[in-house]
N, C-alpha and C. Protein backbone atom coordinates (compact mmCIF):
# COMPACT_ATOMS: atom_id res chain seq x y z
N MET A 1 42.97 -20.40 -25.94
CA MET A 1 41.81 -19.58 -26.21
C MET A 1 40.86 -19.69 -25.02
N SER A 2 40.42 -18.58 -24.51
CA SER A 2 39.49 -18.58 -23.38
C SER A 2 38.09 -18.23 -23.86
N ILE A 3 37.13 -18.70 -23.11
CA ILE A 3 35.74 -18.40 -23.43
C ILE A 3 35.39 -17.07 -22.79
N GLN A 4 34.82 -16.19 -23.56
CA GLN A 4 34.45 -14.87 -23.05
C GLN A 4 32.95 -14.68 -23.18
N ARG A 5 32.42 -13.90 -22.24
CA ARG A 5 31.00 -13.57 -22.32
C ARG A 5 30.76 -12.58 -23.44
N LYS A 6 29.60 -12.71 -24.02
CA LYS A 6 29.18 -11.77 -25.05
C LYS A 6 28.91 -10.43 -24.37
N PRO A 7 29.43 -9.33 -24.88
CA PRO A 7 29.19 -8.03 -24.25
C PRO A 7 27.70 -7.67 -24.29
N LYS A 8 27.24 -7.01 -23.23
CA LYS A 8 25.83 -6.62 -23.16
C LYS A 8 25.55 -5.51 -24.17
N THR A 9 24.44 -5.67 -24.84
CA THR A 9 24.02 -4.63 -25.77
C THR A 9 23.23 -3.58 -25.00
N ALA A 10 22.94 -2.47 -25.62
CA ALA A 10 22.18 -1.41 -24.98
C ALA A 10 20.78 -1.89 -24.59
N VAL A 11 20.20 -2.78 -25.40
CA VAL A 11 18.86 -3.29 -25.12
C VAL A 11 18.89 -4.15 -23.86
N VAL A 12 19.87 -5.04 -23.75
CA VAL A 12 19.98 -5.91 -22.57
C VAL A 12 20.26 -5.07 -21.34
N ALA A 13 21.11 -4.09 -21.45
CA ALA A 13 21.41 -3.21 -20.32
C ALA A 13 20.16 -2.45 -19.88
N ALA A 14 19.37 -2.00 -20.84
CA ALA A 14 18.13 -1.30 -20.52
C ALA A 14 17.13 -2.24 -19.84
N GLN A 15 17.08 -3.48 -20.31
CA GLN A 15 16.19 -4.47 -19.68
C GLN A 15 16.62 -4.74 -18.24
N ASP A 16 17.91 -4.91 -18.01
CA ASP A 16 18.42 -5.14 -16.67
C ASP A 16 18.11 -3.96 -15.75
N ALA A 17 18.28 -2.75 -16.26
CA ALA A 17 17.99 -1.55 -15.46
C ALA A 17 16.50 -1.48 -15.12
N PHE A 18 15.65 -1.84 -16.06
CA PHE A 18 14.21 -1.84 -15.82
C PHE A 18 13.83 -2.85 -14.74
N ILE A 19 14.38 -4.05 -14.83
CA ILE A 19 14.09 -5.10 -13.85
C ILE A 19 14.59 -4.70 -12.47
N GLN A 20 15.78 -4.14 -12.38
CA GLN A 20 16.32 -3.73 -11.10
C GLN A 20 15.57 -2.54 -10.50
N GLY A 21 14.81 -1.82 -11.32
CA GLY A 21 14.04 -0.69 -10.84
C GLY A 21 12.70 -1.10 -10.24
N ALA A 22 12.33 -2.38 -10.35
CA ALA A 22 11.07 -2.85 -9.79
C ALA A 22 11.11 -2.76 -8.27
N PRO A 23 9.97 -2.48 -7.63
CA PRO A 23 9.95 -2.31 -6.18
C PRO A 23 10.44 -3.53 -5.41
N ASP A 24 10.18 -4.74 -5.93
CA ASP A 24 10.59 -5.94 -5.22
C ASP A 24 11.94 -6.48 -5.67
N ALA A 25 12.64 -5.78 -6.53
CA ALA A 25 13.92 -6.26 -7.04
C ALA A 25 15.08 -5.96 -6.10
N LYS A 26 14.95 -4.93 -5.29
CA LYS A 26 16.04 -4.51 -4.42
C LYS A 26 15.93 -5.19 -3.07
N ILE A 27 16.88 -6.04 -2.77
CA ILE A 27 16.88 -6.78 -1.51
C ILE A 27 17.40 -5.91 -0.39
N GLU A 28 18.38 -5.09 -0.65
CA GLU A 28 19.06 -4.32 0.39
C GLU A 28 18.43 -2.95 0.62
N THR A 29 17.22 -2.93 1.13
CA THR A 29 16.64 -1.66 1.56
C THR A 29 16.87 -1.56 3.06
N GLU A 30 16.64 -0.41 3.64
CA GLU A 30 16.89 -0.22 5.06
C GLU A 30 16.11 -1.21 5.90
N ALA A 31 14.83 -1.38 5.63
CA ALA A 31 14.00 -2.27 6.44
C ALA A 31 14.41 -3.73 6.25
N LYS A 32 14.67 -4.15 5.04
CA LYS A 32 15.01 -5.53 4.77
C LYS A 32 16.42 -5.87 5.23
N ALA A 33 17.31 -4.92 5.24
CA ALA A 33 18.69 -5.19 5.61
C ALA A 33 18.82 -5.52 7.09
N VAL A 34 17.95 -4.99 7.94
CA VAL A 34 18.06 -5.21 9.37
C VAL A 34 17.08 -6.27 9.88
N TYR A 35 16.10 -6.67 9.11
CA TYR A 35 15.10 -7.62 9.57
C TYR A 35 15.51 -9.03 9.17
N GLU A 36 15.84 -9.84 10.15
CA GLU A 36 16.40 -11.16 9.88
C GLU A 36 15.52 -12.32 10.33
N LYS A 37 14.27 -12.08 10.72
CA LYS A 37 13.41 -13.18 11.17
C LYS A 37 12.96 -14.03 9.99
N GLY A 38 12.74 -15.30 10.23
CA GLY A 38 12.33 -16.23 9.19
C GLY A 38 13.53 -16.69 8.38
N ILE A 39 13.27 -17.59 7.46
CA ILE A 39 14.30 -18.15 6.59
C ILE A 39 14.22 -17.44 5.24
N GLN A 40 15.34 -16.92 4.78
CA GLN A 40 15.35 -16.20 3.50
C GLN A 40 15.05 -17.15 2.35
N LYS A 41 14.10 -16.76 1.53
CA LYS A 41 13.73 -17.48 0.30
C LYS A 41 13.61 -16.45 -0.80
N GLY A 42 14.71 -16.18 -1.50
CA GLY A 42 14.72 -15.14 -2.53
C GLY A 42 14.58 -13.78 -1.89
N ASN A 43 13.60 -13.01 -2.31
CA ASN A 43 13.36 -11.68 -1.76
C ASN A 43 12.40 -11.71 -0.58
N LYS A 44 11.97 -12.90 -0.16
CA LYS A 44 10.98 -13.01 0.90
C LYS A 44 11.54 -13.81 2.07
N ARG A 45 10.75 -13.92 3.13
CA ARG A 45 11.11 -14.70 4.32
C ARG A 45 10.05 -15.77 4.54
N GLN A 46 10.50 -17.00 4.79
CA GLN A 46 9.60 -18.10 5.09
C GLN A 46 9.34 -18.15 6.59
N ILE A 47 8.06 -18.25 6.96
CA ILE A 47 7.67 -18.34 8.37
C ILE A 47 6.75 -19.54 8.56
N THR A 48 6.49 -19.87 9.81
CA THR A 48 5.52 -20.90 10.13
C THR A 48 4.27 -20.22 10.66
N LEU A 49 3.13 -20.67 10.21
CA LEU A 49 1.86 -20.06 10.60
C LEU A 49 0.92 -21.14 11.08
N THR A 50 0.33 -20.95 12.24
CA THR A 50 -0.70 -21.85 12.75
C THR A 50 -2.04 -21.17 12.51
N ILE A 51 -2.98 -21.92 11.92
CA ILE A 51 -4.25 -21.32 11.50
C ILE A 51 -5.38 -22.29 11.80
N ALA A 52 -6.52 -21.75 12.16
CA ALA A 52 -7.70 -22.58 12.45
C ALA A 52 -8.15 -23.31 11.17
N PRO A 53 -8.59 -24.56 11.30
CA PRO A 53 -8.99 -25.34 10.12
C PRO A 53 -10.06 -24.66 9.27
N GLU A 54 -11.05 -24.04 9.90
CA GLU A 54 -12.11 -23.38 9.14
C GLU A 54 -11.59 -22.18 8.36
N LEU A 55 -10.67 -21.43 8.97
CA LEU A 55 -10.08 -20.29 8.28
C LEU A 55 -9.21 -20.77 7.12
N LEU A 56 -8.48 -21.86 7.32
CA LEU A 56 -7.65 -22.43 6.26
C LEU A 56 -8.52 -22.89 5.09
N ARG A 57 -9.68 -23.49 5.40
CA ARG A 57 -10.59 -23.92 4.34
C ARG A 57 -11.06 -22.72 3.52
N LYS A 58 -11.37 -21.62 4.19
CA LYS A 58 -11.81 -20.41 3.48
C LYS A 58 -10.69 -19.83 2.63
N VAL A 59 -9.46 -19.87 3.15
CA VAL A 59 -8.30 -19.39 2.37
C VAL A 59 -8.12 -20.24 1.13
N ASP A 60 -8.21 -21.57 1.30
CA ASP A 60 -8.06 -22.47 0.16
C ASP A 60 -9.16 -22.27 -0.87
N GLU A 61 -10.39 -22.03 -0.41
CA GLU A 61 -11.49 -21.77 -1.34
C GLU A 61 -11.25 -20.48 -2.12
N ALA A 62 -10.78 -19.45 -1.43
CA ALA A 62 -10.49 -18.17 -2.12
C ALA A 62 -9.36 -18.36 -3.12
N ALA A 63 -8.36 -19.14 -2.75
CA ALA A 63 -7.24 -19.39 -3.66
C ALA A 63 -7.71 -20.12 -4.91
N LYS A 64 -8.53 -21.13 -4.72
CA LYS A 64 -9.04 -21.90 -5.86
C LYS A 64 -9.93 -21.03 -6.75
N ARG A 65 -10.80 -20.25 -6.12
CA ARG A 65 -11.73 -19.40 -6.85
C ARG A 65 -11.00 -18.34 -7.69
N THR A 66 -9.90 -17.81 -7.16
CA THR A 66 -9.19 -16.74 -7.86
C THR A 66 -8.01 -17.25 -8.69
N GLY A 67 -7.70 -18.53 -8.57
CA GLY A 67 -6.58 -19.08 -9.32
C GLY A 67 -5.23 -18.68 -8.75
N GLN A 68 -5.21 -18.32 -7.48
CA GLN A 68 -3.98 -17.90 -6.81
C GLN A 68 -3.47 -19.03 -5.92
N ALA A 69 -2.22 -18.92 -5.52
CA ALA A 69 -1.66 -19.84 -4.54
C ALA A 69 -2.15 -19.45 -3.15
N ARG A 70 -2.18 -20.40 -2.24
CA ARG A 70 -2.58 -20.12 -0.86
C ARG A 70 -1.72 -19.00 -0.27
N ALA A 71 -0.41 -19.07 -0.49
CA ALA A 71 0.49 -18.05 0.06
C ALA A 71 0.17 -16.66 -0.50
N ALA A 72 -0.22 -16.60 -1.76
CA ALA A 72 -0.56 -15.31 -2.36
C ALA A 72 -1.80 -14.71 -1.72
N VAL A 73 -2.79 -15.55 -1.43
CA VAL A 73 -4.02 -15.08 -0.78
C VAL A 73 -3.70 -14.57 0.63
N ILE A 74 -2.90 -15.31 1.36
CA ILE A 74 -2.53 -14.91 2.72
C ILE A 74 -1.73 -13.62 2.69
N ASN A 75 -0.76 -13.52 1.77
CA ASN A 75 0.05 -12.30 1.65
C ASN A 75 -0.82 -11.09 1.33
N MET A 76 -1.77 -11.24 0.42
CA MET A 76 -2.64 -10.13 0.04
C MET A 76 -3.53 -9.72 1.21
N ALA A 77 -4.05 -10.69 1.94
CA ALA A 77 -4.91 -10.38 3.09
C ALA A 77 -4.13 -9.63 4.16
N ILE A 78 -2.92 -10.06 4.43
CA ILE A 78 -2.08 -9.37 5.42
C ILE A 78 -1.76 -7.96 4.94
N PHE A 79 -1.38 -7.84 3.67
CA PHE A 79 -1.05 -6.52 3.12
C PHE A 79 -2.24 -5.57 3.25
N ARG A 80 -3.42 -6.03 2.85
CA ARG A 80 -4.61 -5.17 2.91
C ARG A 80 -4.97 -4.82 4.35
N ALA A 81 -4.80 -5.76 5.27
CA ALA A 81 -5.09 -5.49 6.68
C ALA A 81 -4.14 -4.44 7.23
N LEU A 82 -2.87 -4.55 6.90
CA LEU A 82 -1.88 -3.61 7.44
C LEU A 82 -1.93 -2.26 6.76
N GLU A 83 -2.23 -2.22 5.46
CA GLU A 83 -2.29 -0.96 4.74
C GLU A 83 -3.64 -0.26 4.91
N GLY A 84 -4.65 -1.02 5.25
CA GLY A 84 -5.99 -0.46 5.46
C GLY A 84 -6.11 0.11 6.86
N ASP A 85 -7.33 0.17 7.33
CA ASP A 85 -7.55 0.80 8.64
C ASP A 85 -7.82 -0.21 9.75
N ILE A 86 -7.58 -1.48 9.53
CA ILE A 86 -7.86 -2.49 10.54
C ILE A 86 -7.00 -2.30 11.78
N PHE A 87 -5.73 -2.03 11.63
CA PHE A 87 -4.82 -1.92 12.76
C PHE A 87 -4.39 -0.49 13.08
N GLN A 88 -5.08 0.47 12.50
CA GLN A 88 -4.75 1.88 12.77
C GLN A 88 -5.28 2.25 14.15
N SER A 89 -4.49 3.01 14.88
CA SER A 89 -4.93 3.41 16.23
C SER A 89 -5.47 4.81 16.27
């Protein structure tokens, strides 16, 4: 007798389809498939960042104040800077 997986129900299949439809669920997009810098950590890339102590203190204060992780604050700041008009020419 072999052990078999329980067949997926329509609800589980629908849940899987919903999760795979999330913007960050797909690893193999055109941009991500060719960009290999950093160390892969799930759907993200790990990098090394050198930062001034005073700026790091401000990041840590913002993280504590908002209940976010330091990395989340840095990611959001970079996203807003790149999507906003800071680097537009």
